[in-house]
Structures are given as C-alpha cells and as structure tokens.
Protein backbone atom coordinates (compact mmCIF):
# COMPACT_ATOMS: atom_id res chain seq x y z
CA UNK A 1 2.18 20.19 -14.93
CA UNK A 2 -1.27 19.06 -16.27
CA UNK A 3 -4.03 18.26 -13.47
CA UNK A 4 -5.20 14.57 -13.94
CA UNK A 5 -9.03 13.90 -14.04
CA UNK A 6 -11.32 11.31 -14.98
CA UNK A 7 -12.77 11.25 -18.46
CA UNK A 8 -16.11 11.73 -17.32
CA UNK A 9 -15.04 15.01 -15.36
CA UNK A 10 -13.08 16.11 -18.50
CA UNK A 11 -16.27 15.82 -20.73
CA UNK A 12 -18.23 17.98 -18.04
CA UNK A 13 -15.28 20.55 -18.23
CA UNK A 14 -15.37 20.30 -21.89
CA UNK A 15 -19.23 20.88 -22.12
CA UNK A 16 -19.23 23.98 -19.64
CA UNK A 17 -16.23 25.67 -20.97
CA UNK A 18 -17.57 25.33 -24.70
CA UNK A 19 -21.21 26.69 -23.36
CA UNK A 20 -19.20 29.65 -21.53
CA UNK A 21 -17.51 30.41 -25.01
CA UNK A 22 -20.65 30.14 -26.81
CA UNK A 23 -22.24 32.61 -24.53
CA UNK A 24 -19.30 35.04 -24.98
CA UNK A 25 -18.32 34.80 -21.13
CA UNK A 26 -15.10 33.27 -22.45
CA UNK A 27 -13.05 34.61 -25.41
CA UNK A 28 -12.73 32.60 -28.62
CA UNK A 29 -10.54 29.48 -28.23
CA UNK A 30 -10.25 30.18 -24.31
CA UNK A 31 -12.02 26.73 -23.97
CA UNK A 32 -9.41 25.02 -25.66
CA UNK A 33 -6.62 26.79 -23.81
CA UNK A 34 -8.27 25.91 -20.45
CA UNK A 35 -8.81 22.45 -21.29
CA UNK A 36 -5.07 21.84 -22.32
CA UNK A 37 -4.40 22.34 -18.58
CA UNK A 38 -6.42 19.08 -17.75
CA UNK A 39 -5.47 15.59 -18.62
CA UNK A 40 -7.83 13.04 -18.79
CA UNK A 41 -6.91 9.39 -17.47
CA UNK A 42 -8.31 6.18 -18.35
CA UNK A 43 -10.02 3.87 -15.92
CA UNK A 44 -9.49 0.26 -15.91
CA UNK A 45 -11.67 -1.12 -18.75
CA UNK A 46 -13.70 -4.68 -18.90
CA UNK A 47 -11.11 -5.57 -21.57
CA UNK A 48 -8.16 -4.93 -19.36
CA UNK A 49 -9.59 -6.85 -16.59
CA UNK A 50 -10.50 -9.63 -18.73
CA UNK A 51 -6.84 -9.75 -20.24
CA UNK A 52 -5.08 -9.47 -16.86
CA UNK A 53 -7.23 -12.46 -15.42
CA UNK A 54 -6.56 -14.39 -18.59
CA UNK A 55 -2.94 -13.58 -18.33
CA UNK A 56 -2.65 -14.77 -14.44
CA UNK A 57 -4.73 -17.93 -15.53
CA UNK A 58 -2.12 -18.89 -18.32
CA UNK A 59 0.73 -17.88 -15.97
CA UNK A 60 -0.51 -20.20 -13.25
CA UNK A 61 -1.08 -22.91 -15.64
CA UNK A 62 2.53 -22.54 -17.01
CA UNK A 63 3.51 -22.66 -13.51
CA UNK A 64 1.67 -26.00 -12.74
CA UNK A 65 2.74 -27.59 -15.91
CA UNK A 66 6.61 -26.99 -15.46
CA UNK A 67 6.30 -27.66 -11.58
CA UNK A 68 4.37 -31.20 -12.19
CA UNK A 69 6.88 -32.09 -14.93
CA UNK A 70 10.14 -30.70 -13.52
CA UNK A 71 11.77 -33.89 -12.46
CA UNK A 72 11.14 -35.39 -15.91
CA UNK A 73 12.95 -32.33 -17.83
CA UNK A 74 16.42 -32.63 -18.64
CA UNK A 75 18.47 -29.57 -17.15
CA UNK A 76 19.18 -28.24 -20.55
CA UNK A 77 15.77 -28.12 -21.62
CA UNK A 78 14.82 -26.61 -18.26
CA UNK A 79 16.90 -23.63 -19.04
CA UNK A 80 15.72 -23.34 -22.52
CA UNK A 81 12.22 -23.65 -21.71
CA UNK A 82 12.37 -20.91 -18.90
CA UNK A 83 14.62 -18.64 -20.88
CA UNK A 84 12.91 -18.97 -24.08
CA UNK A 85 9.42 -18.77 -22.69
CA UNK A 86 10.29 -15.45 -20.85
CA UNK A 87 12.03 -13.95 -23.71
CA UNK A 88 9.13 -15.21 -26.12
CA UNK A 89 6.44 -13.72 -24.24
CA UNK A 90 8.23 -10.38 -23.72
CA UNK A 91 9.10 -10.43 -27.52
CA UNK A 92 5.58 -10.98 -28.23
CA UNK A 93 4.38 -8.19 -26.01
CA UNK A 94 6.87 -5.77 -27.58
CA UNK A 95 5.90 -6.52 -31.11
CA UNK A 96 2.04 -6.13 -30.36
CA UNK A 97 2.53 -2.91 -28.42
CA UNK A 98 1.56 -0.50 -31.10
CA UNK A 99 -1.41 -2.58 -32.65
CA UNK A 100 -3.08 -4.18 -29.47
CA UNK A 101 -1.70 -2.42 -26.52
CA UNK A 102 -3.98 -3.95 -23.89
CA UNK A 103 -3.37 -7.78 -25.29
CA UNK A 104 0.54 -6.76 -25.45
CA UNK A 105 0.43 -6.23 -21.60
CA UNK A 106 -1.07 -9.53 -21.12
CA UNK A 107 1.72 -11.22 -22.87
CA UNK A 108 4.34 -9.16 -20.66
CA UNK A 109 2.34 -10.49 -17.48
CA UNK A 110 2.48 -14.05 -18.59
CA UNK A 111 6.42 -13.62 -19.07
CA UNK A 112 6.53 -12.08 -15.57
CA UNK A 113 4.95 -15.48 -14.38
CA UNK A 114 7.51 -17.55 -16.44
CA UNK A 115 10.55 -15.50 -15.20
CA UNK A 116 9.37 -15.90 -11.59
CA UNK A 117 8.97 -19.76 -12.19
CA UNK A 118 12.23 -19.82 -13.36
CA UNK A 119 13.80 -18.15 -10.11
CA UNK A 120 12.06 -20.71 -7.83
CA UNK A 121 12.66 -23.73 -9.81
CA UNK A 122 16.18 -23.31 -10.64
CA UNK A 123 16.80 -22.38 -7.06
CA UNK A 124 15.32 -25.88 -6.42
CA UNK A 125 17.45 -27.63 -9.12
CA UNK A 126 21.03 -26.38 -7.89
CA UNK A 127 19.67 -26.36 -4.02
CA UNK A 128 20.98 -23.01 -3.61
CA UNK A 129 19.05 -22.73 -0.14
CA UNK A 130 18.76 -18.78 -0.35
CA UNK A 131 15.07 -19.40 0.68
CA UNK A 132 11.72 -18.02 -0.36
CA UNK A 133 12.29 -14.69 0.76
CA UNK A 134 15.24 -14.12 -1.31
CA UNK A 135 13.58 -15.83 -4.28
CA UNK A 136 10.58 -13.16 -4.03
CA UNK A 137 13.40 -10.36 -3.73
CA UNK A 138 14.98 -11.57 -7.09
CA UNK A 139 11.71 -11.99 -8.74
CA UNK A 140 10.95 -8.27 -7.80
CA UNK A 141 14.31 -7.17 -8.96
CA UNK A 142 14.05 -8.87 -12.08
CA UNK A 143 10.67 -7.16 -13.21
CA UNK A 144 11.47 -3.77 -12.05
CA UNK A 145 13.23 -2.70 -15.24
CA UNK A 146 10.07 -3.96 -17.11
CA UNK A 147 7.96 -1.82 -15.01
CA UNK A 148 10.20 1.03 -15.49
CA UNK A 149 10.19 0.40 -19.17
CA UNK A 150 6.34 0.18 -19.69
CA UNK A 151 5.62 2.57 -17.06
CA UNK A 152 3.17 -0.25 -15.83
CA UNK A 153 1.96 0.61 -12.40
CA UNK A 154 0.63 -3.13 -11.91
CA UNK A 155 4.06 -4.64 -12.53
CA UNK A 156 5.43 -1.94 -10.12
CA UNK A 157 3.08 -2.67 -7.48
CA UNK A 158 3.81 -6.59 -7.91
CA UNK A 159 7.34 -5.58 -7.65
CA UNK A 160 6.90 -3.66 -4.38
CA UNK A 161 4.83 -6.50 -3.04
CA UNK A 162 7.68 -8.92 -3.52
CA UNK A 163 10.17 -6.69 -1.98
CA UNK A 164 7.56 -6.38 1.26
CA UNK A 165 7.45 -10.30 1.06
CA UNK A 166 11.41 -10.15 1.32
CA UNK A 167 11.25 -7.57 4.23
CA UNK A 168 9.36 -10.16 6.56
CA UNK A 169 12.44 -12.28 6.49
CA UNK A 170 13.04 -11.43 9.90
CA UNK A 171 9.69 -13.73 10.69
CA UNK A 172 11.68 -16.82 9.71
CA UNK A 173 13.82 -16.49 12.70
CA UNK A 174 16.75 -15.15 11.10
CA UNK A 175 18.93 -12.40 12.50
CA UNK A 176 20.22 -11.10 9.12
CA UNK A 177 19.38 -7.58 8.14
CA UNK A 178 17.58 -7.31 4.57
CA UNK A 179 20.14 -4.69 3.73
CA UNK A 180 19.40 -5.03 0.09
CA UNK A 181 16.39 -2.67 0.74
CA UNK A 182 18.46 0.20 1.50
CA UNK A 183 19.25 0.27 -2.35
CA UNK A 184 15.55 -0.68 -3.51
CA UNK A 185 13.72 1.77 -1.29
CA UNK A 186 15.14 4.83 -2.91
CA UNK A 187 15.00 3.54 -6.08
CA UNK A 188 11.20 2.82 -5.73
CA UNK A 189 10.53 6.09 -4.44
CA UNK A 190 12.50 7.64 -7.50
CA UNK A 191 10.63 5.59 -10.07
CA UNK A 192 7.26 6.63 -8.41
CA UNK A 193 8.04 10.09 -8.98
CA UNK A 194 9.86 9.89 -12.35
CA UNK A 195 7.85 7.17 -14.38
CA UNK A 196 4.72 6.15 -12.43
CA UNK A 197 3.02 9.22 -12.45
CA UNK A 198 2.99 9.97 -8.64
CA UNK A 199 0.62 7.11 -8.16
CA UNK A 200 -0.75 7.18 -4.41
CA UNK A 201 -1.10 3.48 -4.22
CA UNK A 202 2.67 3.08 -5.07
CA UNK A 203 3.63 5.89 -2.62
CA UNK A 204 1.88 4.01 0.08
CA UNK A 205 3.50 0.41 -0.82
CA UNK A 206 6.84 2.26 -0.77
CA UNK A 207 6.17 3.75 2.88
CA UNK A 208 5.08 0.37 4.08
CA UNK A 209 8.34 -1.09 2.79
CA UNK A 210 10.30 1.63 4.46
CA UNK A 211 8.38 0.98 7.69
CA UNK A 212 9.02 -2.61 7.37
CA UNK A 213 12.76 -2.19 6.87
CA UNK A 214 12.97 -0.07 9.97
CA UNK A 215 10.85 -2.86 11.87
CA UNK A 216 13.73 -5.22 10.59
CA UNK A 217 16.31 -2.80 11.80
CA UNK A 218 15.00 -2.62 15.15
CA UNK A 219 14.77 -6.50 15.53
CA UNK A 220 18.34 -6.91 14.35
CA UNK A 221 19.40 -4.62 16.95
CA UNK A 222 17.19 -6.25 19.54
CA UNK A 223 15.48 -3.37 20.71
CA UNK A 224 12.74 -3.78 23.45
CA UNK A 225 9.24 -3.72 22.29
CA UNK A 226 8.33 -0.50 23.97
CA UNK A 227 11.10 1.25 22.25
CA UNK A 228 9.80 -0.01 18.92
CA UNK A 229 6.49 0.91 19.47
CA UNK A 230 7.29 4.28 20.80
CA UNK A 231 9.51 4.88 17.51
CA UNK A 232 6.55 3.94 15.24
CA UNK A 233 4.28 6.08 17.25
CA UNK A 234 6.44 9.08 16.65
CA UNK A 235 6.92 8.06 13.02
CA UNK A 236 3.18 7.76 12.74
CA UNK A 237 2.55 11.36 14.25
CA UNK A 238 5.17 12.75 12.13
CA UNK A 239 3.40 11.51 8.88
CA UNK A 240 0.13 12.60 9.97
CA UNK A 241 1.21 16.06 11.24
CA UNK A 242 3.54 16.85 8.41
CA UNK A 243 1.98 14.80 5.57
CA UNK A 244 3.78 14.87 2.02
CA UNK A 245 2.74 17.66 -0.40
CA UNK A 246 1.12 15.66 -3.43
CA UNK A 247 0.43 12.54 -1.06
CA UNK A 248 -1.39 14.51 1.79
CA UNK A 249 -4.28 12.38 2.27
CA UNK A 250 -2.31 9.01 1.94
CA UNK A 251 0.10 10.18 4.33
CA UNK A 252 -2.31 11.48 6.80
CA UNK A 253 -4.13 8.09 6.82
CA UNK A 254 -1.05 6.00 6.81
CA UNK A 255 0.20 7.98 9.64
CA UNK A 256 -2.61 7.64 11.57
CA UNK A 257 -2.81 3.95 11.30
CA UNK A 258 0.87 3.30 12.34
CA UNK A 259 0.51 5.83 15.28
CA UNK A 260 -2.82 4.30 16.25
CA UNK A 261 -1.96 0.87 16.16
CA UNK A 262 1.50 1.66 18.15
CA UNK A 263 -0.51 3.65 20.66
CA UNK A 264 -3.15 1.28 21.25
CA UNK A 265 -0.60 -1.44 22.02
CA UNK A 266 1.14 0.87 24.40
CA UNK A 267 -2.10 1.39 26.69
CA UNK A 268 -2.00 -2.03 27.82
CA UNK A 269 0.08 -2.59 30.95
CA UNK A 270 1.66 -5.75 29.62
CA UNK A 271 3.36 -4.14 27.02
CA UNK A 272 5.47 -2.34 29.36
CA UNK A 273 6.49 -5.57 31.30
CA UNK A 274 10.32 -6.16 31.31
CA UNK A 275 10.69 -2.36 30.59
CA UNK A 276 9.89 -0.95 33.95
CA UNK A 277 9.38 -2.45 37.04
CA UNK A 278 6.20 -4.70 37.35
CA UNK A 279 4.49 -2.49 39.78
CA UNK A 280 4.74 0.46 37.51
CA UNK A 281 3.41 -1.00 34.41
CA UNK A 282 -0.24 0.09 34.95
CA UNK A 283 1.03 3.51 35.76
CA UNK A 284 2.96 3.83 32.57
CA UNK A 285 -0.08 2.82 30.65
CA UNK A 286 -2.26 5.29 32.32
CA UNK A 287 0.32 8.27 31.67
CA UNK A 288 0.61 7.05 27.97
CA UNK A 289 -3.09 6.82 27.61
CA UNK A 290 -3.53 10.12 28.83
CA UNK A 291 -0.78 11.87 26.57
CA UNK A 292 -2.41 9.51 23.64
CA UNK A 293 -6.01 10.93 24.52
CA UNK A 294 -4.54 14.72 24.41
CA UNK A 295 -2.94 14.11 20.78
CA UNK A 296 -6.29 12.59 19.90
CA UNK A 297 -8.30 15.56 20.89
CA UNK A 298 -6.06 17.76 19.05
CA UNK A 299 -6.58 15.76 15.68
CA UNK A 300 -10.24 15.86 16.31
CA UNK A 301 -10.39 19.51 16.77
CA UNK A 302 -8.58 19.96 13.39
CA UNK A 303 -11.18 17.72 11.87
CA UNK A 304 -8.87 14.56 11.32
CA UNK A 305 -11.42 11.79 10.17
CA UNK A 306 -8.64 8.96 10.98
CA UNK A 307 -8.58 10.34 14.50
CA UNK A 308 -12.23 9.76 14.85
CA UNK A 309 -11.52 6.01 14.05
CA UNK A 310 -8.80 5.86 16.42
CA UNK A 311 -10.83 7.40 19.38
CA UNK A 312 -13.62 4.83 18.62
CA UNK A 313 -11.43 1.93 18.74
CA UNK A 314 -9.68 3.34 21.80
CA UNK A 315 -13.17 3.47 23.57
CA UNK A 316 -14.23 0.06 22.39
CA UNK A 317 -11.12 -1.42 23.67
CA UNK A 318 -11.31 0.04 27.21
CA UNK A 319 -15.10 -0.93 27.28
CA UNK A 320 -14.30 -4.31 26.14
CA UNK A 321 -11.22 -4.64 29.00
CA UNK A 322 -13.33 -3.45 31.77
CA UNK A 323 -16.56 -5.05 31.11
CA UNK A 324 -16.21 -8.27 29.50
CA UNK A 325 -15.58 -10.12 32.70
CA UNK A 326 -18.32 -8.24 34.65
CA UNK A 327 -21.35 -7.90 32.69
CA UNK A 328 -23.69 -10.67 31.30
CA UNK A 329 -22.63 -11.67 27.73
CA UNK A 330 -25.95 -10.72 26.20
CA UNK A 331 -25.66 -7.27 27.82
CA UNK A 332 -21.97 -6.84 26.79
CA UNK A 333 -22.94 -7.62 22.95
CA UNK A 334 -26.01 -5.31 23.10
CA UNK A 335 -23.92 -2.40 24.73
CA UNK A 336 -21.03 -3.18 22.46
CA UNK A 337 -23.52 -2.75 19.34
CA UNK A 338 -24.91 0.51 20.47
CA UNK A 339 -21.56 1.90 20.90
CA UNK A 340 -20.50 0.99 17.48
CA UNK A 341 -23.69 2.18 15.87
CA UNK A 342 -23.06 5.48 17.91
CA UNK A 343 -19.52 5.70 16.40
CA UNK A 344 -20.62 5.10 13.04
CA UNK A 345 -23.25 8.03 13.42
CA UNK A 346 -20.43 10.20 14.85
CA UNK A 347 -17.97 9.23 11.93
CA UNK A 348 -20.70 10.11 9.49
CA UNK A 349 -21.58 13.32 11.03
CA UNK A 350 -18.07 14.37 11.08
CA UNK A 351 -17.00 13.30 7.68
CA UNK A 352 -20.06 15.23 6.42
CA UNK A 353 -19.08 18.22 8.40
CA UNK A 354 -15.68 17.88 6.97
CA UNK A 355 -16.91 17.75 3.55
CA UNK A 356 -19.25 20.82 3.97
CA UNK A 357 -16.43 22.72 5.18
CA UNK A 358 -14.09 21.94 2.43
CA UNK A 359 -16.87 22.81 -0.17
CA UNK A 360 -17.28 26.07 1.63
CA UNK A 361 -13.75 26.65 1.65
CA UNK A 362 -13.64 26.07 -2.38
CA UNK A 363 -16.47 28.57 -2.74
C-alpha cells in the first residue's frame, strides 16, 4: 500500500531523489521507483471551500423557501418538488463529474440538503410523530450510499454526525434503545476501511458513535452512574493502552479523553452517593484518586502527552475544590493563573522532549 503524503512533501522527496540520482548515489530510474511508493494527497483548496459554502447557502435557501411555503403547496406538488429536486441535483452532479468534478460535488451537496428537507417536511405532512432524532437517522441512512459511491468524506462525516444525533435520543426521556445503531456502526467502520482511505477523523466519529450507543445501552438497563463511569474508565484505558494500529494517535487521545473525564467524575465523593453508604463516599473517592494517580504516573513515565493534560486538570480540580471557599478571590485567581502557566510550560517541555526523542529514534 502506498504511503499518503502531502503534495509539498512529495515535491521535496522528488527533488531529493532526483538529486541523488544525478549524483549517482541512486541508480538510473531508481528515483521514479521510490516515488511510486508515495501517493500525494490533495489539500482542501479555495475553490472547494467556495463551492461547499455556496452549496450550503443554496441548500439553506431551498429549505427556507420550501418550509415558508409548505402549507400553500398541494401534496402532489410537494412530493414532486422534493423528489425531482433531489434527483435533479444528483443527476446534475453525476453529469458534471468528469468535466467539473468540484462543481459536481457542490450539486451533490445541494441534493443532500433537499433530501433532508423532504424527510422532515413529509414527516410533518403525515404527522408520523417519529421525532427529530429518527428524522436525522433517516437522513444519514439516505445519504450513506451516496458517500459510498463518491468516496466523499464530507458526506460520510455528515451521515456520521446525524447518527450521533440519533444516538442522543436517550436524552429525550425515552427508554427505547437506538437498536438501529447496531447495524450502522459495523457498516461505518467497514466503509472507512474499504472506501474512505482509513480516515482518522471518520475513525474518531465512529468510535464516538460506538461510545454513545454504549451509553444508551447503560441507560436502557438503568445502570448506576458509578458503574457507567467505571466502564467508560476501563474502556478509555483500553484504547490508550492498546491503540489501533494505523489509528494509534487518535486512539490514544480519544481513549485518554474518555478515561480522563470518567476518572475526574469519580474523584468527587458525590458521584459515589447511593452506590455505597454515605459515610464512605469520601473514602471511595480518595481510594479511586490514588489508583487514578498511579495510572497517570505510568502514562507520564512512557511520555504520554494526553496524560500531562489530565494531570494538570486533576491538580487544578483539587486546587479549586480545596481553596476557592478559603482564599481571597483575587489570590485564588492569581495562584490559579500561575498554576495554569506552569502547566503550559510543563506541557510544552514534555511535548518538545517527546518530539526530540521521536526524531532521535528515527535517526
């Protein structure tokens, strides 16, 4: 598999390989063979940004027009307007793919907006009562084949966002499990591996969706808050300890965010209420804090940058908890500022040391 690098990096390699070939440090045509192992990737251009913004504005305008005149349009005309609008923009995008590929994508994006408008407005017309969360799910499901066909990461990311919104259905007070995500999550991981070029951003969104489904699952079975936090703490540690191969960096950071947030909540005695006797909540929080600190010290020893941030947050959390009600407010903020500056210096120093160590290992 070819290694993906930016165009600027590719040009540097090309220049260096040709120089080595001209100075006879490489054999003839060896530069071309070496460059064949790399694949230059395109960065987001000004034209692409302009077309995407234009597509969004047109899509919002169409949504506004349809919503504003929805009651006055006959039902048959509503169906034809939405159906022909979606099909027309998709057909226009398909026709222009070879000649003007960037403009073609903007037409596809407008079609995505019109399709979403159709889902929401038709649901209102027939009073389906499925709710906004299900509408977003249907919208994401409807544009997923288009993302697959075009290998478009933006459409794929949009669909993932809609599925994440659907995952927050539990916050609506419903006890229904978003079981449809059981089918969608494996499909999203598969698409990222097979069609989206192993995108790190899409991997992160898929993991977030998986975590969100797990959260829904715990709420559905009415697990106690402490058990939920402990489960996420363990899940985050797993991601940080055993990051996925090509997604090592996002796995480490995402796992650190999960176990860090869960761990911080578990350091509060109030979190342990209703789970253990009230007079033991403080002891439970202290014991967990000690365990949490030992784990963080291990991560600091192996040079984990996320662990530095978590330690800084943990120290500041205890500083604020212990001193806010006892110190003069001016002194509290001054000392707090000094602590944050010290943390910033520590983080910069740690990061620089990690970069230097990484460069040394490469040499």
